[in-house]
């Protein structure tokens, strides 16, 4: 749940605190997480073990060929719209991939 003030380049000023976090083991089928809160406009995605791909939308389907990739052991902060969901998928060659998605307040 977040409301950020943006600078002239549309970049959010600092993050006050972490909100709800969802953690999942990524599989070779696209799986959606729970919808973001009514005030969430930014999320933090962390990926451990193997890389994975993600898609964000009202009913997203992640693809290993067309969705954004988050590398192993990396963190990204992404702008979202309240109520959207995120979906993840991993390539069959990746043994294990775990993600954590945190709503930013």
PDB file of N, CA and C in Angstrom:
ATOM      1  N   UNK A   1       0.850  -1.150   0.000  1.00  0.00           N
ATOM      2  CA  UNK A   1       0.000   0.000   0.000  1.00  0.00           C
ATOM      3  C   UNK A   1       0.903   1.222   0.000  1.00  0.00           C
ATOM      4  N   UNK A   2       0.826   1.991  -1.071  1.00  0.00           N
ATOM      5  CA  UNK A   2       1.752   3.114  -1.133  1.00  0.00           C
ATOM      6  C   UNK A   2       1.195   4.263  -1.941  1.00  0.00           C
ATOM      7  N   UNK A   3       1.630   5.431  -1.577  1.00  0.00           N
ATOM      8  CA  UNK A   3       1.384   6.626  -2.354  1.00  0.00           C
ATOM      9  C   UNK A   3       2.698   7.376  -2.361  1.00  0.00           C
ATOM     10  N   UNK A   4       3.297   7.534  -3.519  1.00  0.00           N
ATOM     11  CA  UNK A   4       4.598   8.159  -3.634  1.00  0.00           C
ATOM     12  C   UNK A   4       4.480   9.530  -4.264  1.00  0.00           C
ATOM     13  N   UNK A   5       5.319  10.440  -3.818  1.00  0.00           N
ATOM     14  CA  UNK A   5       5.467  11.701  -4.517  1.00  0.00           C
ATOM     15  C   UNK A   5       6.529  11.473  -5.578  1.00  0.00           C
ATOM     16  N   UNK A   6       6.306  12.021  -6.765  1.00  0.00           N
ATOM     17  CA  UNK A   6       7.242  11.830  -7.865  1.00  0.00           C
ATOM     18  C   UNK A   6       8.018  13.102  -8.135  1.00  0.00           C
ATOM     19  N   UNK A   7       9.299  12.940  -8.488  1.00  0.00           N
ATOM     20  CA  UNK A   7      10.101  14.094  -8.872  1.00  0.00           C
ATOM     21  C   UNK A   7       9.754  14.475 -10.310  1.00  0.00           C
ATOM     22  N   UNK A   8      10.360  15.527 -10.877  1.00  0.00           N
ATOM     23  CA  UNK A   8      10.021  15.949 -12.238  1.00  0.00           C
ATOM     24  C   UNK A   8      10.251  14.878 -13.309  1.00  0.00           C
ATOM     25  N   UNK A   9      11.101  13.876 -13.007  1.00  0.00           N
ATOM     26  CA  UNK A   9      11.349  12.788 -13.956  1.00  0.00           C
ATOM     27  C   UNK A   9      10.449  11.585 -13.711  1.00  0.00           C
ATOM     28  N   UNK A  10       9.438  11.765 -12.874  1.00  0.00           N
ATOM     29  CA  UNK A  10       8.484  10.721 -12.522  1.00  0.00           C
ATOM     30  C   UNK A  10       9.130   9.566 -11.768  1.00  0.00           C
ATOM     31  N   UNK A  11      10.177   9.844 -10.988  1.00  0.00           N
ATOM     32  CA  UNK A  11      10.831   8.857 -10.142  1.00  0.00           C
ATOM     33  C   UNK A  11      10.365   9.088  -8.703  1.00  0.00           C
ATOM     34  N   UNK A  12       9.997   8.006  -8.028  1.00  0.00           N
ATOM     35  CA  UNK A  12       9.470   8.121  -6.671  1.00  0.00           C
ATOM     36  C   UNK A  12      10.547   8.552  -5.691  1.00  0.00           C
ATOM     37  N   UNK A  13      10.157   9.461  -4.779  1.00  0.00           N
ATOM     38  CA  UNK A  13      11.023   9.806  -3.659  1.00  0.00           C
ATOM     39  C   UNK A  13      11.039   8.612  -2.706  1.00  0.00           C
ATOM     40  N   UNK A  14      11.903   8.564  -1.724  1.00  0.00           N
ATOM     41  CA  UNK A  14      12.133   7.451  -0.805  1.00  0.00           C
ATOM     42  C   UNK A  14      10.944   6.610  -0.413  1.00  0.00           C
ATOM     43  N   UNK A  15      11.227   5.427   0.054  1.00  0.00           N
ATOM     44  CA  UNK A  15      10.216   4.474   0.494  1.00  0.00           C
ATOM     45  C   UNK A  15      10.128   4.514   2.004  1.00  0.00           C
ATOM     46  N   UNK A  16       8.927   4.689   2.523  1.00  0.00           N
ATOM     47  CA  UNK A  16       8.749   4.798   3.968  1.00  0.00           C
ATOM     48  C   UNK A  16       8.903   3.454   4.671  1.00  0.00           C
ATOM     49  N   UNK A  17       8.226   2.427   4.179  1.00  0.00           N
ATOM     50  CA  UNK A  17       8.303   1.116   4.833  1.00  0.00           C
ATOM     51  C   UNK A  17       7.767   0.026   3.916  1.00  0.00           C
ATOM     52  N   UNK A  18       8.019  -1.217   4.328  1.00  0.00           N
ATOM     53  CA  UNK A  18       7.504  -2.371   3.580  1.00  0.00           C
ATOM     54  C   UNK A  18       6.081  -2.676   4.023  1.00  0.00           C
ATOM     55  N   UNK A  19       5.277  -3.119   3.070  1.00  0.00           N
ATOM     56  CA  UNK A  19       3.908  -3.535   3.357  1.00  0.00           C
ATOM     57  C   UNK A  19       3.790  -5.044   3.252  1.00  0.00           C
ATOM     58  N   UNK A  20       2.685  -5.514   2.729  1.00  0.00           N
ATOM     59  CA  UNK A  20       2.417  -6.943   2.586  1.00  0.00           C
ATOM     60  C   UNK A  20       3.447  -7.597   1.676  1.00  0.00           C
ATOM     61  N   UNK A  21       3.920  -8.775   2.071  1.00  0.00           N
ATOM     62  CA  UNK A  21       4.867  -9.542   1.266  1.00  0.00           C
ATOM     63  C   UNK A  21       4.267 -10.891   0.917  1.00  0.00           C
ATOM     64  N   UNK A  22       4.435 -11.295  -0.343  1.00  0.00           N
ATOM     65  CA  UNK A  22       4.042 -12.618  -0.807  1.00  0.00           C
ATOM     66  C   UNK A  22       5.313 -13.328  -1.279  1.00  0.00           C
ATOM     67  N   UNK A  23       5.470 -14.593  -0.907  1.00  0.00           N
ATOM     68  CA  UNK A  23       6.626 -15.385  -1.312  1.00  0.00           C
ATOM     69  C   UNK A  23       6.119 -16.632  -2.020  1.00  0.00           C
ATOM     70  N   UNK A  24       6.789 -17.011  -3.123  1.00  0.00           N
ATOM     71  CA  UNK A  24       6.360 -18.187  -3.872  1.00  0.00           C
ATOM     72  C   UNK A  24       7.542 -18.888  -4.515  1.00  0.00           C
ATOM     73  N   UNK A  25       7.398 -20.189  -4.688  1.00  0.00           N
ATOM     74  CA  UNK A  25       8.333 -20.962  -5.488  1.00  0.00           C
ATOM     75  C   UNK A  25       7.809 -20.914  -6.917  1.00  0.00           C
ATOM     76  N   UNK A  26       8.662 -20.522  -7.846  1.00  0.00           N
ATOM     77  CA  UNK A  26       8.256 -20.367  -9.241  1.00  0.00           C
ATOM     78  C   UNK A  26       8.303 -21.720  -9.934  1.00  0.00           C
ATOM     79  N   UNK A  27       7.302 -21.982 -10.764  1.00  0.00           N
ATOM     80  CA  UNK A  27       7.233 -23.252 -11.498  1.00  0.00           C
ATOM     81  C   UNK A  27       7.325 -23.008 -12.993  1.00  0.00           C
ATOM     82  N   UNK A  28       7.204 -24.060 -13.780  1.00  0.00           N
ATOM     83  CA  UNK A  28       7.260 -23.943 -15.239  1.00  0.00           C
ATOM     84  C   UNK A  28       5.909 -23.589 -15.849  1.00  0.00           C
ATOM     85  N   UNK A  29       4.927 -23.314 -14.998  1.00  0.00           N
ATOM     86  CA  UNK A  29       3.626 -22.805 -15.443  1.00  0.00           C
ATOM     87  C   UNK A  29       3.434 -21.426 -14.835  1.00  0.00           C
ATOM     88  N   UNK A  30       2.854 -20.508 -15.588  1.00  0.00           N
ATOM     89  CA  UNK A  30       2.607 -19.167 -15.084  1.00  0.00           C
ATOM     90  C   UNK A  30       1.609 -19.222 -13.927  1.00  0.00           C
ATOM     91  N   UNK A  31       1.994 -18.612 -12.802  1.00  0.00           N
ATOM     92  CA  UNK A  31       1.133 -18.584 -11.621  1.00  0.00           C
ATOM     93  C   UNK A  31       1.014 -17.150 -11.130  1.00  0.00           C
ATOM     94  N   UNK A  32      -0.236 -16.707 -10.895  1.00  0.00           N
ATOM     95  CA  UNK A  32      -0.500 -15.354 -10.404  1.00  0.00           C
ATOM     96  C   UNK A  32      -0.471 -15.316  -8.888  1.00  0.00           C
ATOM     97  N   UNK A  33      -0.036 -14.167  -8.363  1.00  0.00           N
ATOM     98  CA  UNK A  33      -0.101 -13.925  -6.924  1.00  0.00           C
ATOM     99  C   UNK A  33      -1.361 -13.102  -6.641  1.00  0.00           C
ATOM    100  N   UNK A  34      -1.642 -12.878  -5.371  1.00  0.00           N
ATOM    101  CA  UNK A  34      -2.813 -12.115  -4.946  1.00  0.00           C
ATOM    102  C   UNK A  34      -2.714 -10.665  -5.417  1.00  0.00           C
ATOM    103  N   UNK A  35      -3.848 -10.055  -5.692  1.00  0.00           N
ATOM    104  CA  UNK A  35      -3.889  -8.665  -6.158  1.00  0.00           C
ATOM    105  C   UNK A  35      -3.262  -7.717  -5.141  1.00  0.00           C
ATOM    106  N   UNK A  36      -2.623  -6.663  -5.652  1.00  0.00           N
ATOM    107  CA  UNK A  36      -2.011  -5.643  -4.799  1.00  0.00           C
ATOM    108  C   UNK A  36      -3.104  -4.821  -4.118  1.00  0.00           C
ATOM    109  N   UNK A  37      -2.760  -4.219  -3.000  1.00  0.00           N
ATOM    110  CA  UNK A  37      -3.701  -3.421  -2.225  1.00  0.00           C
ATOM    111  C   UNK A  37      -4.215  -2.196  -2.971  1.00  0.00           C
ATOM    112  N   UNK A  38      -5.280  -1.624  -2.446  1.00  0.00           N
ATOM    113  CA  UNK A  38      -5.964  -0.494  -3.085  1.00  0.00           C
ATOM    114  C   UNK A  38      -5.102   0.754  -3.210  1.00  0.00           C
ATOM    115  N   UNK A  39      -4.043   0.875  -2.418  1.00  0.00           N
ATOM    116  CA  UNK A  39      -3.180   2.054  -2.477  1.00  0.00           C
ATOM    117  C   UNK A  39      -1.776   1.757  -2.978  1.00  0.00           C
ATOM    118  N   UNK A  40      -1.524   0.531  -3.430  1.00  0.00           N
ATOM    119  CA  UNK A  40      -0.176   0.142  -3.844  1.00  0.00           C
ATOM    120  C   UNK A  40       0.140   0.653  -5.246  1.00  0.00           C
ATOM    121  N   UNK A  41       1.232   1.412  -5.347  1.00  0.00           N
ATOM    122  CA  UNK A  41       1.673   1.922  -6.649  1.00  0.00           C
ATOM    123  C   UNK A  41       3.101   1.495  -6.986  1.00  0.00           C
ATOM    124  N   UNK A  42       3.796   0.876  -6.013  1.00  0.00           N
ATOM    125  CA  UNK A  42       5.156   0.385  -6.242  1.00  0.00           C
ATOM    126  C   UNK A  42       5.315  -0.943  -5.507  1.00  0.00           C
ATOM    127  N   UNK A  43       6.079  -1.865  -6.121  1.00  0.00           N
ATOM    128  CA  UNK A  43       6.388  -3.133  -5.473  1.00  0.00           C
ATOM    129  C   UNK A  43       7.881  -3.397  -5.561  1.00  0.00           C
ATOM    130  N   UNK A  44       8.356  -4.231  -4.667  1.00  0.00           N
ATOM    131  CA  UNK A  44       9.753  -4.680  -4.669  1.00  0.00           C
ATOM    132  C   UNK A  44       9.721  -6.164  -4.984  1.00  0.00           C
ATOM    133  N   UNK A  45      10.418  -6.570  -6.060  1.00  0.00           N
ATOM    134  CA  UNK A  45      10.505  -7.974  -6.450  1.00  0.00           C
ATOM    135  C   UNK A  45      11.920  -8.453  -6.160  1.00  0.00           C
ATOM    136  N   UNK A  46      12.051  -9.544  -5.413  1.00  0.00           N
ATOM    137  CA  UNK A  46      13.357 -10.143  -5.144  1.00  0.00           C
ATOM    138  C   UNK A  46      13.323 -11.585  -5.634  1.00  0.00           C
ATOM    139  N   UNK A  47      14.393 -11.982  -6.325  1.00  0.00           N
ATOM    140  CA  UNK A  47      14.482 -13.327  -6.878  1.00  0.00           C
ATOM    141  C   UNK A  47      15.720 -14.015  -6.312  1.00  0.00           C
ATOM    142  N   UNK A  48      15.536 -15.195  -5.748  1.00  0.00           N
ATOM    143  CA  UNK A  48      16.689 -15.955  -5.270  1.00  0.00           C
ATOM    144  C   UNK A  48      16.755 -17.276  -6.028  1.00  0.00           C
ATOM    145  N   UNK A  49      17.892 -17.871  -6.004  1.00  0.00           N
ATOM    146  CA  UNK A  49      18.183 -19.120  -6.710  1.00  0.00           C
ATOM    147  C   UNK A  49      18.192 -18.854  -8.212  1.00  0.00           C
ATOM    148  N   UNK A  50      17.325 -19.440  -9.027  1.00  0.00           N
ATOM    149  CA  UNK A  50      17.374 -19.245 -10.474  1.00  0.00           C
ATOM    150  C   UNK A  50      16.559 -18.062 -10.944  1.00  0.00           C
ATOM    151  N   UNK A  51      16.917 -17.513 -12.117  1.00  0.00           N
ATOM    152  CA  UNK A  51      16.169 -16.381 -12.667  1.00  0.00           C
ATOM    153  C   UNK A  51      14.748 -16.809 -13.032  1.00  0.00           C
ATOM    154  N   UNK A  52      13.860 -15.815 -13.216  1.00  0.00           N
ATOM    155  CA  UNK A  52      12.494 -16.101 -13.644  1.00  0.00           C
ATOM    156  C   UNK A  52      11.968 -14.913 -14.443  1.00  0.00           C
ATOM    157  N   UNK A  53      10.799 -15.077 -15.017  1.00  0.00           N
ATOM    158  CA  UNK A  53      10.158 -14.043 -15.823  1.00  0.00           C
ATOM    159  C   UNK A  53       8.860 -13.646 -15.138  1.00  0.00           C
ATOM    160  N   UNK A  54       8.459 -12.374 -15.329  1.00  0.00           N
ATOM    161  CA  UNK A  54       7.223 -11.916 -14.694  1.00  0.00           C
ATOM    162  C   UNK A  54       6.424 -11.016 -15.628  1.00  0.00           C
ATOM    163  N   UNK A  55       5.114 -10.992 -15.352  1.00  0.00           N
ATOM    164  CA  UNK A  55       4.187 -10.107 -16.065  1.00  0.00           C
ATOM    165  C   UNK A  55       3.261  -9.502 -15.024  1.00  0.00           C
ATOM    166  N   UNK A  56       2.860  -8.246 -15.257  1.00  0.00           N
ATOM    167  CA  UNK A  56       1.973  -7.535 -14.342  1.00  0.00           C
ATOM    168  C   UNK A  56       0.749  -7.072 -15.115  1.00  0.00           C
ATOM    169  N   UNK A  57      -0.429  -7.216 -14.510  1.00  0.00           N
ATOM    170  CA  UNK A  57      -1.664  -6.777 -15.152  1.00  0.00           C
ATOM    171  C   UNK A  57      -2.871  -7.191 -14.325  1.00  0.00           C
ATOM    172  N   UNK A  58      -4.064  -7.052 -14.901  1.00  0.00           N
ATOM    173  CA  UNK A  58      -5.272  -7.429 -14.168  1.00  0.00           C
ATOM    174  C   UNK A  58      -5.432  -8.944 -14.113  1.00  0.00           C
ATOM    175  N   UNK A  59      -4.975  -9.639 -15.129  1.00  0.00           N
ATOM    176  CA  UNK A  59      -4.964 -11.111 -15.150  1.00  0.00           C
ATOM    177  C   UNK A  59      -3.757 -11.550 -15.977  1.00  0.00           C
ATOM    178  N   UNK A  60      -2.539 -11.335 -15.448  1.00  0.00           N
ATOM    179  CA  UNK A  60      -1.331 -11.560 -16.235  1.00  0.00           C
ATOM    180  C   UNK A  60      -0.968 -13.031 -16.411  1.00  0.00           C
ATOM    181  N   UNK A  61      -0.315 -13.319 -17.526  1.00  0.00           N
ATOM    182  CA  UNK A  61       0.272 -14.624 -17.779  1.00  0.00           C
ATOM    183  C   UNK A  61       1.725 -14.388 -18.133  1.00  0.00           C
ATOM    184  N   UNK A  62       2.629 -14.906 -17.320  1.00  0.00           N
ATOM    185  CA  UNK A  62       4.060 -14.740 -17.579  1.00  0.00           C
ATOM    186  C   UNK A  62       4.514 -15.730 -18.643  1.00  0.00           C
ATOM    187  N   UNK A  63       5.481 -15.308 -19.442  1.00  0.00           N
ATOM    188  CA  UNK A  63       6.015 -16.128 -20.530  1.00  0.00           C
ATOM    189  C   UNK A  63       7.538 -16.078 -20.493  1.00  0.00           C
ATOM    190  N   UNK A  64       8.189 -17.192 -20.775  1.00  0.00           N
ATOM    191  CA  UNK A  64       9.652 -17.190 -20.789  1.00  0.00           C
ATOM    192  C   UNK A  64      10.209 -16.527 -22.039  1.00  0.00           C
ATOM    193  N   UNK A  65       9.361 -16.278 -23.030  1.00  0.00           N
ATOM    194  CA  UNK A  65       9.843 -15.654 -24.273  1.00  0.00           C
ATOM    195  C   UNK A  65       9.461 -14.188 -24.413  1.00  0.00           C
ATOM    196  N   UNK A  66       8.398 -13.737 -23.740  1.00  0.00           N
ATOM    197  CA  UNK A  66       7.957 -12.355 -23.947  1.00  0.00           C
ATOM    198  C   UNK A  66       7.863 -11.513 -22.678  1.00  0.00           C
ATOM    199  N   UNK A  67       8.037 -12.110 -21.508  1.00  0.00           N
ATOM    200  CA  UNK A  67       7.920 -11.361 -20.254  1.00  0.00           C
ATOM    201  C   UNK A  67       9.285 -10.913 -19.751  1.00  0.00           C
ATOM    202  N   UNK A  68       9.272  -9.839 -18.968  1.00  0.00           N
ATOM    203  CA  UNK A  68      10.510  -9.322 -18.370  1.00  0.00           C
ATOM    204  C   UNK A  68      11.149 -10.392 -17.494  1.00  0.00           C
ATOM    205  N   UNK A  69      12.489 -10.399 -17.470  1.00  0.00           N
ATOM    206  CA  UNK A  69      13.220 -11.363 -16.654  1.00  0.00           C
ATOM    207  C   UNK A  69      13.856 -10.666 -15.468  1.00  0.00           C
ATOM    208  N   UNK A  70      13.811 -11.309 -14.325  1.00  0.00           N
ATOM    209  CA  UNK A  70      14.558 -10.836 -13.169  1.00  0.00           C
ATOM    210  C   UNK A  70      15.660 -11.858 -12.904  1.00  0.00           C
ATOM    211  N   UNK A  71      16.915 -11.415 -12.920  1.00  0.00           N
ATOM    212  CA  UNK A  71      18.030 -12.337 -12.721  1.00  0.00           C
ATOM    213  C   UNK A  71      18.080 -12.895 -11.303  1.00  0.00           C
ATOM    214  N   UNK A  72      18.769 -13.987 -11.166  1.00  0.00           N
ATOM    215  CA  UNK A  72      19.001 -14.622  -9.873  1.00  0.00           C
ATOM    216  C   UNK A  72      19.668 -13.645  -8.911  1.00  0.00           C
ATOM    217  N   UNK A  73      19.206 -13.659  -7.672  1.00  0.00           N
ATOM    218  CA  UNK A  73      19.766 -12.835  -6.586  1.00  0.00           C
ATOM    219  C   UNK A  73      19.722 -11.339  -6.881  1.00  0.00           C
ATOM    220  N   UNK A  74      18.660 -10.878  -7.518  1.00  0.00           N
ATOM    221  CA  UNK A  74      18.481  -9.456  -7.825  1.00  0.00           C
ATOM    222  C   UNK A  74      17.174  -8.948  -7.240  1.00  0.00           C
ATOM    223  N   UNK A  75      17.109  -7.619  -7.126  1.00  0.00           N
ATOM    224  CA  UNK A  75      15.918  -6.946  -6.615  1.00  0.00           C
ATOM    225  C   UNK A  75      15.544  -5.849  -7.602  1.00  0.00           C
ATOM    226  N   UNK A  76      14.254  -5.699  -7.889  1.00  0.00           N
ATOM    227  CA  UNK A  76      13.763  -4.617  -8.740  1.00  0.00           C
ATOM    228  C   UNK A  76      12.597  -3.943  -8.034  1.00  0.00           C
ATOM    229  N   UNK A  77      12.469  -2.648  -8.247  1.00  0.00           N
ATOM    230  CA  UNK A  77      11.297  -1.913  -7.780  1.00  0.00           C
ATOM    231  C   UNK A  77      10.532  -1.499  -9.026  1.00  0.00           C
ATOM    232  N   UNK A  78       9.249  -1.841  -9.043  1.00  0.00           N
ATOM    233  CA  UNK A  78       8.430  -1.675 -10.239  1.00  0.00           C
ATOM    234  C   UNK A  78       7.169  -0.890  -9.905  1.00  0.00           C
ATOM    235  N   UNK A  79       6.797   0.006 -10.800  1.00  0.00           N
ATOM    236  CA  UNK A  79       5.553   0.762 -10.649  1.00  0.00           C
ATOM    237  C   UNK A  79       4.383  -0.128 -11.066  1.00  0.00           C
ATOM    238  N   UNK A  80       3.305  -0.111 -10.280  1.00  0.00           N
ATOM    239  CA  UNK A  80       2.107  -0.894 -10.570  1.00  0.00           C
ATOM    240  C   UNK A  80       0.871  -0.035 -10.341  1.00  0.00           C
ATOM    241  N   UNK A  81      -0.257  -0.575 -10.690  1.00  0.00           N
ATOM    242  CA  UNK A  81      -1.546   0.062 -10.449  1.00  0.00           C
ATOM    243  C   UNK A  81      -2.266  -0.720  -9.354  1.00  0.00           C
ATOM    244  N   UNK A  82      -2.917  -0.046  -8.415  1.00  0.00           N
ATOM    245  CA  UNK A  82      -3.639  -0.773  -7.371  1.00  0.00           C
ATOM    246  C   UNK A  82      -4.575  -1.825  -7.968  1.00  0.00           C
ATOM    247  N   UNK A  83      -4.622  -2.998  -7.337  1.00  0.00           N
ATOM    248  CA  UNK A  83      -5.496  -4.075  -7.786  1.00  0.00           C
ATOM    249  C   UNK A  83      -4.889  -4.985  -8.843  1.00  0.00           C
ATOM    250  N   UNK A  84      -3.759  -4.591  -9.430  1.00  0.00           N
ATOM    251  CA  UNK A  84      -3.113  -5.469 -10.407  1.00  0.00           C
ATOM    252  C   UNK A  84      -2.536  -6.686  -9.696  1.00  0.00           C
ATOM    253  N   UNK A  85      -2.126  -7.672 -10.491  1.00  0.00           N
ATOM    254  CA  UNK A  85      -1.482  -8.878  -9.983  1.00  0.00           C
ATOM    255  C   UNK A  85      -0.155  -9.060 -10.709  1.00  0.00           C
ATOM    256  N   UNK A  86       0.682  -9.938 -10.180  1.00  0.00           N
ATOM    257  CA  UNK A  86       1.934 -10.296 -10.830  1.00  0.00           C
ATOM    258  C   UNK A  86       1.943 -11.811 -10.996  1.00  0.00           C
ATOM    259  N   UNK A  87       2.464 -12.256 -12.129  1.00  0.00           N
ATOM    260  CA  UNK A  87       2.582 -13.688 -12.403  1.00  0.00           C
ATOM    261  C   UNK A  87       4.034 -14.006 -12.705  1.00  0.00           C
ATOM    262  N   UNK A  88       4.467 -15.208 -12.347  1.00  0.00           N
ATOM    263  CA  UNK A  88       5.844 -15.643 -12.548  1.00  0.00           C
ATOM    264  C   UNK A  88       5.880 -16.984 -13.272  1.00  0.00           C
ATOM    265  N   UNK A  89       7.006 -17.216 -13.971  1.00  0.00           N
ATOM    266  CA  UNK A  89       7.274 -18.501 -14.610  1.00  0.00           C
ATOM    267  C   UNK A  89       8.781 -18.676 -14.689  1.00  0.00           C
ATOM    268  N   UNK A  90       9.233 -19.927 -14.676  1.00  0.00           N
ATOM    269  CA  UNK A  90      10.661 -20.203 -14.867  1.00  0.00           C
ATOM    270  C   UNK A  90      10.836 -21.143 -16.042  1.00  0.00           C
ATOM    271  N   UNK A  91      12.008 -21.079 -16.634  1.00  0.00           N
ATOM    272  CA  UNK A  91      12.368 -21.967 -17.731  1.00  0.00           C
ATOM    273  C   UNK A  91      12.592 -23.370 -17.166  1.00  0.00           C
ATOM    274  N   UNK A  92      12.303 -24.394 -17.940  1.00  0.00           N
ATOM    275  CA  UNK A  92      12.472 -25.780 -17.489  1.00  0.00           C
ATOM    276  C   UNK A  92      13.915 -26.107 -17.129  1.00  0.00           C
ATOM    277  N   UNK A  93      14.878 -25.350 -17.667  1.00  0.00           N
ATOM    278  CA  UNK A  93      16.288 -25.617 -17.366  1.00  0.00           C
ATOM    279  C   UNK A  93      16.714 -25.071 -16.007  1.00  0.00           C
ATOM    280  N   UNK A  94      15.884 -24.236 -15.393  1.00  0.00           N
ATOM    281  CA  UNK A  94      16.175 -23.672 -14.073  1.00  0.00           C
ATOM    282  C   UNK A  94      15.654 -24.639 -13.018  1.00  0.00           C
ATOM    283  N   UNK A  95      16.547 -25.106 -12.152  1.00  0.00           N
ATOM    284  CA  UNK A  95      16.154 -26.087 -11.145  1.00  0.00           C
ATOM    285  C   UNK A  95      15.177 -25.512 -10.135  1.00  0.00           C
ATOM    286  N   UNK A  96      15.517 -24.376  -9.544  1.00  0.00           N
ATOM    287  CA  UNK A  96      14.691 -23.769  -8.499  1.00  0.00           C
ATOM    288  C   UNK A  96      14.717 -22.256  -8.628  1.00  0.00           C
ATOM    289  N   UNK A  97      13.585 -21.625  -8.385  1.00  0.00           N
ATOM    290  CA  UNK A  97      13.502 -20.167  -8.351  1.00  0.00           C
ATOM    291  C   UNK A  97      12.458 -19.776  -7.317  1.00  0.00           C
ATOM    292  N   UNK A  98      12.826 -18.846  -6.453  1.00  0.00           N
ATOM    293  CA  UNK A  98      11.914 -18.354  -5.424  1.00  0.00           C
ATOM    294  C   UNK A  98      11.824 -16.844  -5.542  1.00  0.00           C
ATOM    295  N   UNK A  99      10.613 -16.282  -5.406  1.00  0.00           N
ATOM    296  CA  UNK A  99      10.433 -14.840  -5.486  1.00  0.00           C
ATOM    297  C   UNK A  99       9.720 -14.329  -4.237  1.00  0.00           C
ATOM    298  N   UNK A 100       9.998 -13.082  -3.956  1.00  0.00           N
ATOM    299  CA  UNK A 100       9.329 -12.359  -2.884  1.00  0.00           C
ATOM    300  C   UNK A 100       8.841 -11.046  -3.483  1.00  0.00           C
ATOM    301  N   UNK A 101       7.563 -10.743  -3.294  1.00  0.00           N
ATOM    302  CA  UNK A 101       6.982  -9.499  -3.797  1.00  0.00           C
ATOM    303  C   UNK A 101       6.459  -8.724  -2.589  1.00  0.00           C
ATOM    304  N   UNK A 102       6.985  -7.502  -2.402  1.00  0.00           N
ATOM    305  CA  UNK A 102       6.601  -6.683  -1.269  1.00  0.00           C
ATOM    306  C   UNK A 102       5.960  -5.387  -1.744  1.00  0.00           C
ATOM    307  N   UNK A 103       4.761  -5.094  -1.234  1.00  0.00           N
ATOM    308  CA  UNK A 103       4.116  -3.821  -1.526  1.00  0.00           C
ATOM    309  C   UNK A 103       4.835  -2.754  -0.705  1.00  0.00           C
ATOM    310  N   UNK A 104       5.119  -1.620  -1.314  1.00  0.00           N
ATOM    311  CA  UNK A 104       5.858  -0.561  -0.634  1.00  0.00           C
ATOM    312  C   UNK A 104       4.933   0.532  -0.155  1.00  0.00           C
ATOM    313  N   UNK A 105       5.129   0.961   1.104  1.00  0.00           N
ATOM    314  CA  UNK A 105       4.302   2.000   1.716  1.00  0.00           C
ATOM    315  C   UNK A 105       5.043   3.317   1.691  1.00  0.00           C
TER     316      UNK A 105
END
